[in-house]
Amino acid sequence: MKINGYSLPATAAAVLAAAIFAVSSSAQAPAPPPGGHPPNPAPTNLKVLPKDLTGDQVHEIMHKWEAMLGAECSTCHAADPKNIGPNGKPRLNFADDSKKEKQAARLMVKMVEDISKNYVSMIEGSGVPVTCGTCHRGHVTPEPFVAKPDHDHDHPAGADHDHDHDHPGTR
């Protein structure tokens, strides 16, 4: 029997060869996990974060920090002109320490941990640790704090007040 000029055994052999090739090719290249992204490579040059974190754990932490700071990866991480991605742009070198913003970020992480551990934790019932977002609130450089205008003059005479005017220096 012939199909479009090919014998049935030849066609079957071609289909079988294609199937074997497809199976062997898919076995060589691991399929992405259910989320669709391959795992992030193991981090190198961790100086503040625990050294036993996986690439995916570091990636998750970095994305949280990005959101709290309103930043991008390139804010702290330098581009590597020798490592060009499929989009034609240099990939970031996450291990590189050349950017001052990365040095500042490491210092700030230590500060936040110190404040949460040694100060906030000592306030009974606080339970809320300090994070990057506590001050930055979505801005790389925190917005300056502006106190409410002095409200002492807006209260009617004799109104309850949360501080005593008769005793200066008790505030």
Protein backbone atom coordinates (compact mmCIF):
# COMPACT_ATOMS: atom_id res chain seq x y z
CA MET A 1 0.00 0.00 0.00
CA LYS A 2 1.26 3.45 -0.91
CA ILE A 3 0.27 6.82 0.60
CA ASN A 4 1.20 9.90 -1.44
CA GLY A 5 4.06 8.03 -3.10
CA TYR A 6 5.44 6.52 0.14
CA SER A 7 5.04 2.94 1.25
CA LEU A 8 3.22 2.31 4.53
CA PRO A 9 6.32 0.84 6.26
CA ALA A 10 8.42 3.88 5.28
CA THR A 11 5.74 6.26 6.55
CA ALA A 12 5.42 4.34 9.81
CA ALA A 13 9.19 4.36 10.25
CA ALA A 14 9.30 8.14 9.71
CA VAL A 15 6.49 8.73 12.23
CA LEU A 16 8.22 6.43 14.73
CA ALA A 17 11.55 8.24 14.27
CA ALA A 18 9.86 11.62 14.77
CA ALA A 19 8.17 10.37 17.94
CA ILE A 20 11.45 8.99 19.32
CA PHE A 21 13.19 12.29 18.52
CA ALA A 22 10.43 14.29 20.24
CA VAL A 23 10.55 12.12 23.37
CA SER A 24 14.35 12.21 23.57
CA SER A 25 14.43 15.98 22.97
CA SER A 26 11.90 16.67 25.69
CA ALA A 27 13.82 14.44 28.10
CA GLN A 28 17.01 16.44 27.50
CA ALA A 29 15.45 19.86 28.10
CA PRO A 30 13.58 19.96 31.40
CA ALA A 31 10.09 21.31 31.13
CA PRO A 32 9.38 24.50 33.04
CA PRO A 33 7.58 24.00 36.36
CA PRO A 34 3.81 24.55 36.57
CA GLY A 35 4.31 28.31 37.09
CA GLY A 36 5.92 28.47 33.66
CA HIS A 37 9.32 29.83 34.73
CA PRO A 38 12.51 27.82 35.14
CA PRO A 39 14.02 27.96 38.64
CA ASN A 40 16.26 30.94 39.37
CA PRO A 41 19.96 30.10 39.61
CA ALA A 42 21.52 29.71 43.05
CA PRO A 43 22.57 33.12 44.38
CA THR A 44 26.20 34.07 44.83
CA ASN A 45 27.75 36.87 46.85
CA LEU A 46 25.05 37.05 49.52
CA LYS A 47 26.36 39.27 52.32
CA VAL A 48 23.22 40.19 54.26
CA LEU A 49 20.67 37.53 53.31
CA PRO A 50 21.17 33.98 54.62
CA LYS A 51 23.55 32.06 52.37
CA ASP A 52 21.32 28.97 52.28
CA LEU A 53 18.48 30.68 50.37
CA THR A 54 17.54 29.28 46.97
CA GLY A 55 17.49 31.42 43.86
CA ASP A 56 13.69 31.42 43.94
CA GLN A 57 13.64 32.59 47.58
CA VAL A 58 16.05 35.45 46.85
CA HIS A 59 14.00 36.36 43.76
CA GLU A 60 10.83 36.55 45.88
CA ILE A 61 12.53 38.74 48.52
CA MET A 62 13.91 41.07 45.85
CA HIS A 63 10.49 41.50 44.24
CA LYS A 64 8.99 42.45 47.62
CA TRP A 65 11.75 45.01 48.13
CA GLU A 66 11.18 46.36 44.61
CA ALA A 67 7.52 46.96 45.45
CA MET A 68 8.27 48.60 48.79
CA LEU A 69 10.83 50.89 47.15
CA GLY A 70 9.12 51.53 43.84
CA ALA A 71 12.39 50.36 42.26
CA GLU A 72 13.58 48.07 39.49
CA CYS A 73 16.28 45.38 39.64
CA SER A 74 18.62 47.76 37.81
CA THR A 75 18.39 50.25 40.67
CA CYS A 76 20.89 48.14 42.64
CA HIS A 77 22.24 45.67 40.10
CA ALA A 78 24.71 46.60 37.35
CA ALA A 79 24.29 45.54 33.74
CA ASP A 80 26.87 43.16 32.31
CA PRO A 81 27.71 44.33 28.77
CA LYS A 82 29.39 40.97 28.08
CA ASN A 83 26.20 38.99 28.81
CA ILE A 84 23.54 39.91 26.26
CA GLY A 85 20.03 38.52 26.70
CA PRO A 86 17.66 37.32 23.96
CA ASN A 87 16.15 40.81 23.81
CA GLY A 88 19.55 42.24 22.77
CA LYS A 89 20.04 44.08 26.08
CA PRO A 90 22.71 43.29 28.68
CA ARG A 91 21.61 41.04 31.51
CA LEU A 92 22.13 42.15 35.09
CA ASN A 93 25.09 40.84 37.07
CA PHE A 94 23.45 40.21 40.44
CA ALA A 95 26.76 39.33 42.15
CA ASP A 96 28.43 42.60 41.12
CA ASP A 97 28.93 45.07 44.00
CA SER A 98 29.84 48.17 42.00
CA LYS A 99 26.64 50.18 42.48
CA LYS A 100 26.43 52.43 45.55
CA GLU A 101 22.68 51.69 45.74
CA LYS A 102 23.43 48.02 46.41
CA GLN A 103 25.78 48.98 49.23
CA ALA A 104 23.12 51.31 50.66
CA ALA A 105 20.49 48.56 50.39
CA ARG A 106 22.66 46.15 52.38
CA LEU A 107 23.18 48.77 55.08
CA MET A 108 19.45 49.52 55.19
CA VAL A 109 18.57 45.81 55.49
CA LYS A 110 20.86 45.55 58.52
CA MET A 111 19.29 48.69 60.01
CA VAL A 112 15.73 47.41 59.52
CA GLU A 113 16.63 44.06 61.11
CA ASP A 114 18.28 45.84 64.06
CA ILE A 115 15.30 48.14 64.62
CA SER A 116 12.81 45.28 64.44
CA LYS A 117 14.84 42.94 66.66
CA ASN A 118 16.26 45.29 69.25
CA TYR A 119 13.65 48.03 69.50
CA VAL A 120 10.21 47.21 68.07
CA SER A 121 10.26 43.74 69.63
CA MET A 122 10.74 45.35 73.04
CA ILE A 123 7.45 47.22 72.81
CA GLU A 124 4.79 44.96 74.25
CA GLY A 125 2.06 44.18 71.77
CA SER A 126 3.71 45.93 68.82
CA GLY A 127 4.27 42.76 66.82
CA VAL A 128 4.76 44.77 63.63
CA PRO A 129 8.31 44.63 62.33
CA VAL A 130 9.85 47.52 60.46
CA THR A 131 10.21 46.92 56.71
CA CYS A 132 11.60 48.91 53.80
CA GLY A 133 8.04 50.05 53.14
CA THR A 134 7.72 51.56 56.63
CA CYS A 135 9.68 54.58 55.45
CA HIS A 136 9.95 54.28 51.68
CA ARG A 137 6.27 53.63 50.91
CA GLY A 138 6.92 52.96 47.24
CA HIS A 139 9.66 55.56 46.69
CA VAL A 140 13.36 54.88 46.20
CA THR A 141 14.08 57.95 48.32
CA PRO A 142 11.62 58.26 51.22
CA GLU A 143 9.33 61.23 51.05
CA PRO A 144 10.10 63.78 53.78
CA PHE A 145 7.78 63.59 56.77
CA VAL A 146 5.61 66.67 57.14
CA ALA A 147 3.96 67.06 60.52
CA LYS A 148 0.39 68.21 60.73
CA PRO A 149 0.11 71.94 61.39
CA ASP A 150 0.15 72.82 65.08
CA HIS A 151 -3.34 71.99 66.23
CA ASP A 152 -3.16 73.57 69.70
CA HIS A 153 -4.79 76.79 68.57
CA ASP A 154 -7.78 75.13 66.92
CA HIS A 155 -9.25 73.73 70.16
CA PRO A 156 -11.96 75.60 72.03
CA ALA A 157 -10.89 76.84 75.46
CA GLY A 158 -11.29 74.13 78.11
CA ALA A 159 -11.53 71.26 75.57
CA ASP A 160 -10.00 67.94 76.50
CA HIS A 161 -6.49 67.73 75.24
CA ASP A 162 -3.87 65.03 75.05
CA HIS A 163 -1.17 67.20 76.65
CA ASP A 164 -1.11 69.73 79.46
CA HIS A 165 -0.48 73.42 78.59
CA ASP A 166 -0.01 74.35 82.24
CA HIS A 167 3.20 72.35 82.56
CA PRO A 168 5.70 73.33 79.88
CA GLY A 169 8.39 70.78 79.27
CA THR A 170 6.19 67.78 80.11
CA ARG A 171 5.64 66.81 76.52
